[in-house]
């Protein structure tokens, strides 16, 4: 039987204001994964990202991006050892 591959989701704030907002929202929601970590991307760079429980956690950030002046990138990876892959979350999700 093949082992199920889990997808992990991440958000990378690209400015201090966004970083503070993301951290506050994750902390206040009780998200234990909301610790910033460095993870290697498919581009070879290390990204400072917050791991989130699932892609649904990212929807409020995407929907409120303009209204709250948020600047971030979204990534996922197929396993805990995989490389981060950029995710164009806006298409078909909001």
PDB file of N, CA and C in Angstrom:
ATOM      1  N   UNK A   1       0.839  -1.176   0.000  1.00  0.00           N
ATOM      2  CA  UNK A   1       0.000   0.000   0.000  1.00  0.00           C
ATOM      3  C   UNK A   1       0.891   1.249   0.000  1.00  0.00           C
ATOM      4  N   UNK A   2       0.611   2.157  -0.890  1.00  0.00           N
ATOM      5  CA  UNK A   2       1.411   3.375  -1.006  1.00  0.00           C
ATOM      6  C   UNK A   2       1.127   4.303   0.171  1.00  0.00           C
ATOM      7  N   UNK A   3       2.188   4.948   0.632  1.00  0.00           N
ATOM      8  CA  UNK A   3       2.077   5.887   1.732  1.00  0.00           C
ATOM      9  C   UNK A   3       1.456   7.196   1.234  1.00  0.00           C
ATOM     10  N   UNK A   4       0.473   7.731   1.984  1.00  0.00           N
ATOM     11  CA  UNK A   4      -0.177   8.978   1.598  1.00  0.00           C
ATOM     12  C   UNK A   4       0.787  10.145   1.838  1.00  0.00           C
ATOM     13  N   UNK A   5       0.919  10.994   0.835  1.00  0.00           N
ATOM     14  CA  UNK A   5       1.769  12.166   0.947  1.00  0.00           C
ATOM     15  C   UNK A   5       0.943  13.336   1.442  1.00  0.00           C
ATOM     16  N   UNK A   6       1.379  13.958   2.524  1.00  0.00           N
ATOM     17  CA  UNK A   6       0.679  15.123   3.044  1.00  0.00           C
ATOM     18  C   UNK A   6       1.275  16.385   2.469  1.00  0.00           C
ATOM     19  N   UNK A   7       0.420  17.339   2.197  1.00  0.00           N
ATOM     20  CA  UNK A   7       0.874  18.640   1.724  1.00  0.00           C
ATOM     21  C   UNK A   7       0.932  19.582   2.907  1.00  0.00           C
ATOM     22  N   UNK A   8       2.064  20.262   3.057  1.00  0.00           N
ATOM     23  CA  UNK A   8       2.232  21.270   4.096  1.00  0.00           C
ATOM     24  C   UNK A   8       2.100  22.645   3.447  1.00  0.00           C
ATOM     25  N   UNK A   9       1.507  23.598   4.184  1.00  0.00           N
ATOM     26  CA  UNK A   9       1.257  24.943   3.663  1.00  0.00           C
ATOM     27  C   UNK A   9       2.008  25.983   4.470  1.00  0.00           C
ATOM     28  N   UNK A  10       2.471  27.031   3.775  1.00  0.00           N
ATOM     29  CA  UNK A  10       3.290  28.069   4.391  1.00  0.00           C
ATOM     30  C   UNK A  10       2.913  29.438   3.849  1.00  0.00           C
ATOM     31  N   UNK A  11       3.114  30.460   4.674  1.00  0.00           N
ATOM     32  CA  UNK A  11       2.931  31.843   4.240  1.00  0.00           C
ATOM     33  C   UNK A  11       4.192  32.621   4.617  1.00  0.00           C
ATOM     34  N   UNK A  12       4.672  33.414   3.663  1.00  0.00           N
ATOM     35  CA  UNK A  12       5.895  34.191   3.854  1.00  0.00           C
ATOM     36  C   UNK A  12       5.552  35.685   3.786  1.00  0.00           C
ATOM     37  N   UNK A  13       5.571  36.375   4.941  1.00  0.00           N
ATOM     38  CA  UNK A  13       5.352  37.818   4.894  1.00  0.00           C
ATOM     39  C   UNK A  13       6.548  38.494   4.232  1.00  0.00           C
ATOM     40  N   UNK A  14       6.283  39.541   3.454  1.00  0.00           N
ATOM     41  CA  UNK A  14       7.382  40.217   2.766  1.00  0.00           C
ATOM     42  C   UNK A  14       7.634  41.626   3.299  1.00  0.00           C
ATOM     43  N   UNK A  15       6.943  41.977   4.396  1.00  0.00           N
ATOM     44  CA  UNK A  15       7.247  43.238   5.078  1.00  0.00           C
ATOM     45  C   UNK A  15       6.891  43.093   6.557  1.00  0.00           C
ATOM     46  N   UNK A  16       7.375  44.032   7.372  1.00  0.00           N
ATOM     47  CA  UNK A  16       7.190  43.944   8.827  1.00  0.00           C
ATOM     48  C   UNK A  16       5.729  44.045   9.254  1.00  0.00           C
ATOM     49  N   UNK A  17       4.962  44.927   8.617  1.00  0.00           N
ATOM     50  CA  UNK A  17       3.551  45.063   8.973  1.00  0.00           C
ATOM     51  C   UNK A  17       2.776  43.776   8.731  1.00  0.00           C
ATOM     52  N   UNK A  18       3.037  43.156   7.586  1.00  0.00           N
ATOM     53  CA  UNK A  18       2.379  41.887   7.261  1.00  0.00           C
ATOM     54  C   UNK A  18       2.823  40.796   8.221  1.00  0.00           C
ATOM     55  N   UNK A  19       4.118  40.783   8.554  1.00  0.00           N
ATOM     56  CA  UNK A  19       4.640  39.794   9.494  1.00  0.00           C
ATOM     57  C   UNK A  19       3.902  39.898  10.829  1.00  0.00           C
ATOM     58  N   UNK A  20       3.740  41.112  11.327  1.00  0.00           N
ATOM     59  CA  UNK A  20       3.061  41.308  12.606  1.00  0.00           C
ATOM     60  C   UNK A  20       1.608  40.854  12.531  1.00  0.00           C
ATOM     61  N   UNK A  21       0.917  41.207  11.448  1.00  0.00           N
ATOM     62  CA  UNK A  21      -0.483  40.811  11.285  1.00  0.00           C
ATOM     63  C   UNK A  21      -0.624  39.297  11.223  1.00  0.00           C
ATOM     64  N   UNK A  22       0.198  38.637  10.415  1.00  0.00           N
ATOM     65  CA  UNK A  22       0.118  37.179  10.282  1.00  0.00           C
ATOM     66  C   UNK A  22       0.400  36.512  11.615  1.00  0.00           C
ATOM     67  N   UNK A  23       1.458  36.947  12.288  1.00  0.00           N
ATOM     68  CA  UNK A  23       1.821  36.351  13.575  1.00  0.00           C
ATOM     69  C   UNK A  23       0.681  36.513  14.578  1.00  0.00           C
ATOM     70  N   UNK A  24       0.087  37.703  14.641  1.00  0.00           N
ATOM     71  CA  UNK A  24      -1.002  37.965  15.584  1.00  0.00           C
ATOM     72  C   UNK A  24      -2.210  37.087  15.288  1.00  0.00           C
ATOM     73  N   UNK A  25      -2.601  37.005  14.029  1.00  0.00           N
ATOM     74  CA  UNK A  25      -3.759  36.182  13.655  1.00  0.00           C
ATOM     75  C   UNK A  25      -3.505  34.707  13.980  1.00  0.00           C
ATOM     76  N   UNK A  26      -2.333  34.211  13.642  1.00  0.00           N
ATOM     77  CA  UNK A  26      -2.020  32.805  13.924  1.00  0.00           C
ATOM     78  C   UNK A  26      -1.978  32.549  15.431  1.00  0.00           C
ATOM     79  N   UNK A  27      -1.366  33.442  16.176  1.00  0.00           N
ATOM     80  CA  UNK A  27      -1.295  33.288  17.637  1.00  0.00           C
ATOM     81  C   UNK A  27      -2.691  33.309  18.246  1.00  0.00           C
ATOM     82  N   UNK A  28      -3.506  34.288  17.852  1.00  0.00           N
ATOM     83  CA  UNK A  28      -4.843  34.434  18.434  1.00  0.00           C
ATOM     84  C   UNK A  28      -5.782  33.289  18.052  1.00  0.00           C
ATOM     85  N   UNK A  29      -5.491  32.620  16.940  1.00  0.00           N
ATOM     86  CA  UNK A  29      -6.333  31.500  16.525  1.00  0.00           C
ATOM     87  C   UNK A  29      -5.885  30.182  17.151  1.00  0.00           C
ATOM     88  N   UNK A  30      -4.832  30.235  17.972  1.00  0.00           N
ATOM     89  CA  UNK A  30      -4.351  29.024  18.635  1.00  0.00           C
ATOM     90  C   UNK A  30      -3.572  28.104  17.719  1.00  0.00           C
ATOM     91  N   UNK A  31      -3.060  28.648  16.630  1.00  0.00           N
ATOM     92  CA  UNK A  31      -2.312  27.840  15.671  1.00  0.00           C
ATOM     93  C   UNK A  31      -0.936  27.503  16.221  1.00  0.00           C
ATOM     94  N   UNK A  32      -0.766  26.261  16.641  1.00  0.00           N
ATOM     95  CA  UNK A  32       0.510  25.837  17.199  1.00  0.00           C
ATOM     96  C   UNK A  32       1.606  25.754  16.150  1.00  0.00           C
ATOM     97  N   UNK A  33       1.217  25.673  14.883  1.00  0.00           N
ATOM     98  CA  UNK A  33       2.207  25.623  13.809  1.00  0.00           C
ATOM     99  C   UNK A  33       2.769  27.008  13.502  1.00  0.00           C
ATOM    100  N   UNK A  34       2.166  28.057  14.065  1.00  0.00           N
ATOM    101  CA  UNK A  34       2.502  29.425  13.704  1.00  0.00           C
ATOM    102  C   UNK A  34       3.851  29.911  14.197  1.00  0.00           C
ATOM    103  N   UNK A  35       4.880  29.136  13.951  1.00  0.00           N
ATOM    104  CA  UNK A  35       6.243  29.510  14.298  1.00  0.00           C
ATOM    105  C   UNK A  35       6.987  29.742  12.999  1.00  0.00           C
ATOM    106  N   UNK A  36       7.720  30.845  12.936  1.00  0.00           N
ATOM    107  CA  UNK A  36       8.462  31.130  11.711  1.00  0.00           C
ATOM    108  C   UNK A  36       9.658  30.191  11.623  1.00  0.00           C
ATOM    109  N   UNK A  37       9.799  29.582  10.475  1.00  0.00           N
ATOM    110  CA  UNK A  37      10.905  28.661  10.224  1.00  0.00           C
ATOM    111  C   UNK A  37      11.583  29.028   8.917  1.00  0.00           C
ATOM    112  N   UNK A  38      12.809  28.599   8.762  1.00  0.00           N
ATOM    113  CA  UNK A  38      13.504  28.749   7.488  1.00  0.00           C
ATOM    114  C   UNK A  38      13.339  27.458   6.702  1.00  0.00           C
ATOM    115  N   UNK A  39      12.904  27.560   5.474  1.00  0.00           N
ATOM    116  CA  UNK A  39      12.695  26.376   4.635  1.00  0.00           C
ATOM    117  C   UNK A  39      13.229  26.653   3.243  1.00  0.00           C
ATOM    118  N   UNK A  40      13.866  25.656   2.676  1.00  0.00           N
ATOM    119  CA  UNK A  40      14.467  25.774   1.344  1.00  0.00           C
ATOM    120  C   UNK A  40      13.395  25.706   0.274  1.00  0.00           C
ATOM    121  N   UNK A  41      13.472  26.636  -0.658  1.00  0.00           N
ATOM    122  CA  UNK A  41      12.518  26.688  -1.750  1.00  0.00           C
ATOM    123  C   UNK A  41      13.045  26.015  -2.998  1.00  0.00           C
ATOM    124  N   UNK A  42      12.154  25.806  -3.949  1.00  0.00           N
ATOM    125  CA  UNK A  42      12.545  25.209  -5.226  1.00  0.00           C
ATOM    126  C   UNK A  42      13.476  26.145  -5.995  1.00  0.00           C
ATOM    127  N   UNK A  43      13.530  27.418  -5.575  1.00  0.00           N
ATOM    128  CA  UNK A  43      14.430  28.389  -6.196  1.00  0.00           C
ATOM    129  C   UNK A  43      15.834  28.353  -5.587  1.00  0.00           C
ATOM    130  N   UNK A  44      16.056  27.464  -4.589  1.00  0.00           N
ATOM    131  CA  UNK A  44      17.363  27.327  -3.952  1.00  0.00           C
ATOM    132  C   UNK A  44      17.577  28.265  -2.771  1.00  0.00           C
ATOM    133  N   UNK A  45      16.667  29.224  -2.568  1.00  0.00           N
ATOM    134  CA  UNK A  45      16.788  30.168  -1.453  1.00  0.00           C
ATOM    135  C   UNK A  45      16.085  29.628  -0.209  1.00  0.00           C
ATOM    136  N   UNK A  46      16.540  30.111   0.954  1.00  0.00           N
ATOM    137  CA  UNK A  46      15.847  29.799   2.194  1.00  0.00           C
ATOM    138  C   UNK A  46      14.837  30.901   2.467  1.00  0.00           C
ATOM    139  N   UNK A  47      13.594  30.510   2.736  1.00  0.00           N
ATOM    140  CA  UNK A  47      12.502  31.448   2.967  1.00  0.00           C
ATOM    141  C   UNK A  47      12.099  31.395   4.440  1.00  0.00           C
ATOM    142  N   UNK A  48      11.828  32.546   5.022  1.00  0.00           N
ATOM    143  CA  UNK A  48      11.310  32.630   6.391  1.00  0.00           C
ATOM    144  C   UNK A  48       9.793  32.591   6.306  1.00  0.00           C
ATOM    145  N   UNK A  49       9.224  31.479   6.715  1.00  0.00           N
ATOM    146  CA  UNK A  49       7.798  31.233   6.524  1.00  0.00           C
ATOM    147  C   UNK A  49       7.135  30.769   7.814  1.00  0.00           C
ATOM    148  N   UNK A  50       5.831  30.959   7.884  1.00  0.00           N
ATOM    149  CA  UNK A  50       5.011  30.363   8.934  1.00  0.00           C
ATOM    150  C   UNK A  50       4.329  29.138   8.345  1.00  0.00           C
ATOM    151  N   UNK A  51       4.398  28.030   9.059  1.00  0.00           N
ATOM    152  CA  UNK A  51       3.654  26.840   8.635  1.00  0.00           C
ATOM    153  C   UNK A  51       2.248  26.961   9.195  1.00  0.00           C
ATOM    154  N   UNK A  52       1.259  26.648   8.374  1.00  0.00           N
ATOM    155  CA  UNK A  52      -0.140  26.710   8.799  1.00  0.00           C
ATOM    156  C   UNK A  52      -0.758  25.319   8.648  1.00  0.00           C
ATOM    157  N   UNK A  53      -1.843  25.043   9.385  1.00  0.00           N
ATOM    158  CA  UNK A  53      -2.393  23.685   9.387  1.00  0.00           C
ATOM    159  C   UNK A  53      -2.906  23.191   8.035  1.00  0.00           C
ATOM    160  N   UNK A  54      -3.467  24.114   7.231  1.00  0.00           N
ATOM    161  CA  UNK A  54      -4.050  23.701   5.958  1.00  0.00           C
ATOM    162  C   UNK A  54      -4.250  24.929   5.082  1.00  0.00           C
ATOM    163  N   UNK A  55      -4.630  24.695   3.839  1.00  0.00           N
ATOM    164  CA  UNK A  55      -4.782  25.835   2.926  1.00  0.00           C
ATOM    165  C   UNK A  55      -5.976  26.714   3.283  1.00  0.00           C
ATOM    166  N   UNK A  56      -6.968  26.172   3.992  1.00  0.00           N
ATOM    167  CA  UNK A  56      -8.118  26.980   4.407  1.00  0.00           C
ATOM    168  C   UNK A  56      -7.692  28.118   5.338  1.00  0.00           C
ATOM    169  N   UNK A  57      -6.639  27.907   6.115  1.00  0.00           N
ATOM    170  CA  UNK A  57      -6.126  28.932   7.023  1.00  0.00           C
ATOM    171  C   UNK A  57      -5.654  30.164   6.251  1.00  0.00           C
ATOM    172  N   UNK A  58      -5.266  29.981   5.002  1.00  0.00           N
ATOM    173  CA  UNK A  58      -4.728  31.071   4.190  1.00  0.00           C
ATOM    174  C   UNK A  58      -5.809  31.927   3.532  1.00  0.00           C
ATOM    175  N   UNK A  59      -7.025  31.407   3.418  1.00  0.00           N
ATOM    176  CA  UNK A  59      -8.084  32.107   2.684  1.00  0.00           C
ATOM    177  C   UNK A  59      -8.356  33.510   3.231  1.00  0.00           C
ATOM    178  N   UNK A  60      -8.482  33.711   4.561  1.00  0.00           N
ATOM    179  CA  UNK A  60      -8.730  35.075   5.038  1.00  0.00           C
ATOM    180  C   UNK A  60      -7.605  36.053   4.678  1.00  0.00           C
ATOM    181  N   UNK A  61      -6.377  35.593   4.683  1.00  0.00           N
ATOM    182  CA  UNK A  61      -5.265  36.469   4.297  1.00  0.00           C
ATOM    183  C   UNK A  61      -5.393  36.876   2.830  1.00  0.00           C
ATOM    184  N   UNK A  62      -5.726  35.909   1.987  1.00  0.00           N
ATOM    185  CA  UNK A  62      -5.862  36.184   0.550  1.00  0.00           C
ATOM    186  C   UNK A  62      -7.035  37.124   0.308  1.00  0.00           C
ATOM    187  N   UNK A  63      -8.167  36.842   0.935  1.00  0.00           N
ATOM    188  CA  UNK A  63      -9.362  37.664   0.708  1.00  0.00           C
ATOM    189  C   UNK A  63      -9.187  39.093   1.202  1.00  0.00           C
ATOM    190  N   UNK A  64      -8.388  39.282   2.240  1.00  0.00           N
ATOM    191  CA  UNK A  64      -8.208  40.607   2.842  1.00  0.00           C
ATOM    192  C   UNK A  64      -6.890  41.265   2.467  1.00  0.00           C
ATOM    193  N   UNK A  65      -6.201  40.700   1.509  1.00  0.00           N
ATOM    194  CA  UNK A  65      -4.878  41.195   1.104  1.00  0.00           C
ATOM    195  C   UNK A  65      -4.898  42.687   0.792  1.00  0.00           C
ATOM    196  N   UNK A  66      -5.806  43.132  -0.038  1.00  0.00           N
ATOM    197  CA  UNK A  66      -5.852  44.544  -0.437  1.00  0.00           C
ATOM    198  C   UNK A  66      -6.372  45.424   0.697  1.00  0.00           C
ATOM    199  N   UNK A  67      -7.470  45.039   1.324  1.00  0.00           N
ATOM    200  CA  UNK A  67      -8.085  45.854   2.374  1.00  0.00           C
ATOM    201  C   UNK A  67      -7.144  46.061   3.557  1.00  0.00           C
ATOM    202  N   UNK A  68      -6.329  45.056   3.877  1.00  0.00           N
ATOM    203  CA  UNK A  68      -5.428  45.152   5.024  1.00  0.00           C
ATOM    204  C   UNK A  68      -3.991  45.480   4.623  1.00  0.00           C
ATOM    205  N   UNK A  69      -3.771  45.723   3.327  1.00  0.00           N
ATOM    206  CA  UNK A  69      -2.437  46.054   2.824  1.00  0.00           C
ATOM    207  C   UNK A  69      -1.408  44.979   3.200  1.00  0.00           C
ATOM    208  N   UNK A  70      -1.759  43.720   2.944  1.00  0.00           N
ATOM    209  CA  UNK A  70      -0.879  42.594   3.267  1.00  0.00           C
ATOM    210  C   UNK A  70      -0.026  42.225   2.059  1.00  0.00           C
ATOM    211  N   UNK A  71       1.232  41.901   2.337  1.00  0.00           N
ATOM    212  CA  UNK A  71       2.175  41.501   1.286  1.00  0.00           C
ATOM    213  C   UNK A  71       2.815  40.179   1.713  1.00  0.00           C
ATOM    214  N   UNK A  72       2.563  39.132   0.928  1.00  0.00           N
ATOM    215  CA  UNK A  72       3.065  37.808   1.304  1.00  0.00           C
ATOM    216  C   UNK A  72       3.129  36.905   0.085  1.00  0.00           C
ATOM    217  N   UNK A  73       3.838  35.801   0.271  1.00  0.00           N
ATOM    218  CA  UNK A  73       3.894  34.722  -0.714  1.00  0.00           C
ATOM    219  C   UNK A  73       3.356  33.463  -0.045  1.00  0.00           C
ATOM    220  N   UNK A  74       2.762  32.594  -0.837  1.00  0.00           N
ATOM    221  CA  UNK A  74       2.246  31.324  -0.325  1.00  0.00           C
ATOM    222  C   UNK A  74       3.016  30.190  -0.992  1.00  0.00           C
ATOM    223  N   UNK A  75       3.349  29.190  -0.174  1.00  0.00           N
ATOM    224  CA  UNK A  75       4.085  28.013  -0.658  1.00  0.00           C
ATOM    225  C   UNK A  75       3.436  26.754  -0.111  1.00  0.00           C
ATOM    226  N   UNK A  76       3.731  25.649  -0.776  1.00  0.00           N
ATOM    227  CA  UNK A  76       3.414  24.346  -0.210  1.00  0.00           C
ATOM    228  C   UNK A  76       4.556  23.401  -0.514  1.00  0.00           C
ATOM    229  N   UNK A  77       4.525  22.247   0.122  1.00  0.00           N
ATOM    230  CA  UNK A  77       5.486  21.183  -0.181  1.00  0.00           C
ATOM    231  C   UNK A  77       4.816  19.852   0.119  1.00  0.00           C
ATOM    232  N   UNK A  78       5.277  18.836  -0.546  1.00  0.00           N
ATOM    233  CA  UNK A  78       4.634  17.519  -0.475  1.00  0.00           C
ATOM    234  C   UNK A  78       5.062  16.678   0.717  1.00  0.00           C
ATOM    235  N   UNK A  79       6.169  17.005   1.358  1.00  0.00           N
ATOM    236  CA  UNK A  79       6.619  16.253   2.526  1.00  0.00           C
ATOM    237  C   UNK A  79       7.482  17.166   3.379  1.00  0.00           C
ATOM    238  N   UNK A  80       7.788  16.738   4.592  1.00  0.00           N
ATOM    239  CA  UNK A  80       8.575  17.580   5.487  1.00  0.00           C
ATOM    240  C   UNK A  80      10.000  17.797   4.976  1.00  0.00           C
ATOM    241  N   UNK A  81      10.429  17.006   4.025  1.00  0.00           N
ATOM    242  CA  UNK A  81      11.768  17.187   3.454  1.00  0.00           C
ATOM    243  C   UNK A  81      11.752  17.786   2.058  1.00  0.00           C
ATOM    244  N   UNK A  82      10.560  18.040   1.557  1.00  0.00           N
ATOM    245  CA  UNK A  82      10.441  18.606   0.217  1.00  0.00           C
ATOM    246  C   UNK A  82      10.803  20.081   0.191  1.00  0.00           C
ATOM    247  N   UNK A  83      10.977  20.595  -1.009  1.00  0.00           N
ATOM    248  CA  UNK A  83      11.270  22.011  -1.183  1.00  0.00           C
ATOM    249  C   UNK A  83       9.960  22.777  -1.340  1.00  0.00           C
ATOM    250  N   UNK A  84       9.971  24.013  -0.846  1.00  0.00           N
ATOM    251  CA  UNK A  84       8.795  24.870  -0.983  1.00  0.00           C
ATOM    252  C   UNK A  84       8.539  25.176  -2.444  1.00  0.00           C
ATOM    253  N   UNK A  85       7.279  25.125  -2.814  1.00  0.00           N
ATOM    254  CA  UNK A  85       6.869  25.475  -4.178  1.00  0.00           C
ATOM    255  C   UNK A  85       5.909  26.646  -4.101  1.00  0.00           C
ATOM    256  N   UNK A  86       6.134  27.685  -4.904  1.00  0.00           N
ATOM    257  CA  UNK A  86       5.194  28.818  -4.901  1.00  0.00           C
ATOM    258  C   UNK A  86       3.800  28.340  -5.288  1.00  0.00           C
ATOM    259  N   UNK A  87       2.797  28.913  -4.640  1.00  0.00           N
ATOM    260  CA  UNK A  87       1.423  28.534  -4.920  1.00  0.00           C
ATOM    261  C   UNK A  87       0.618  29.778  -5.289  1.00  0.00           C
ATOM    262  N   UNK A  88       0.078  29.827  -6.489  1.00  0.00           N
ATOM    263  CA  UNK A  88      -0.737  30.961  -6.912  1.00  0.00           C
ATOM    264  C   UNK A  88      -2.148  30.846  -6.351  1.00  0.00           C
ATOM    265  N   UNK A  89      -2.289  31.059  -5.062  1.00  0.00           N
ATOM    266  CA  UNK A  89      -3.511  30.791  -4.313  1.00  0.00           C
ATOM    267  C   UNK A  89      -4.710  31.543  -4.820  1.00  0.00           C
ATOM    268  N   UNK A  90      -4.520  32.696  -5.402  1.00  0.00           N
ATOM    269  CA  UNK A  90      -5.631  33.537  -5.800  1.00  0.00           C
ATOM    270  C   UNK A  90      -6.530  32.895  -6.849  1.00  0.00           C
ATOM    271  N   UNK A  91      -5.991  32.042  -7.690  1.00  0.00           N
ATOM    272  CA  UNK A  91      -6.794  31.470  -8.773  1.00  0.00           C
ATOM    273  C   UNK A  91      -7.805  30.460  -8.254  1.00  0.00           C
ATOM    274  N   UNK A  92      -9.065  30.805  -8.400  1.00  0.00           N
ATOM    275  CA  UNK A  92     -10.134  29.854  -8.099  1.00  0.00           C
ATOM    276  C   UNK A  92     -10.407  29.620  -6.643  1.00  0.00           C
ATOM    277  N   UNK A  93      -9.850  30.421  -5.728  1.00  0.00           N
ATOM    278  CA  UNK A  93     -10.067  30.143  -4.315  1.00  0.00           C
ATOM    279  C   UNK A  93     -10.756  31.261  -3.573  1.00  0.00           C
ATOM    280  N   UNK A  94     -10.846  32.434  -4.157  1.00  0.00           N
ATOM    281  CA  UNK A  94     -11.455  33.536  -3.415  1.00  0.00           C
ATOM    282  C   UNK A  94     -12.738  33.972  -4.076  1.00  0.00           C
TER     283      UNK A  94
END
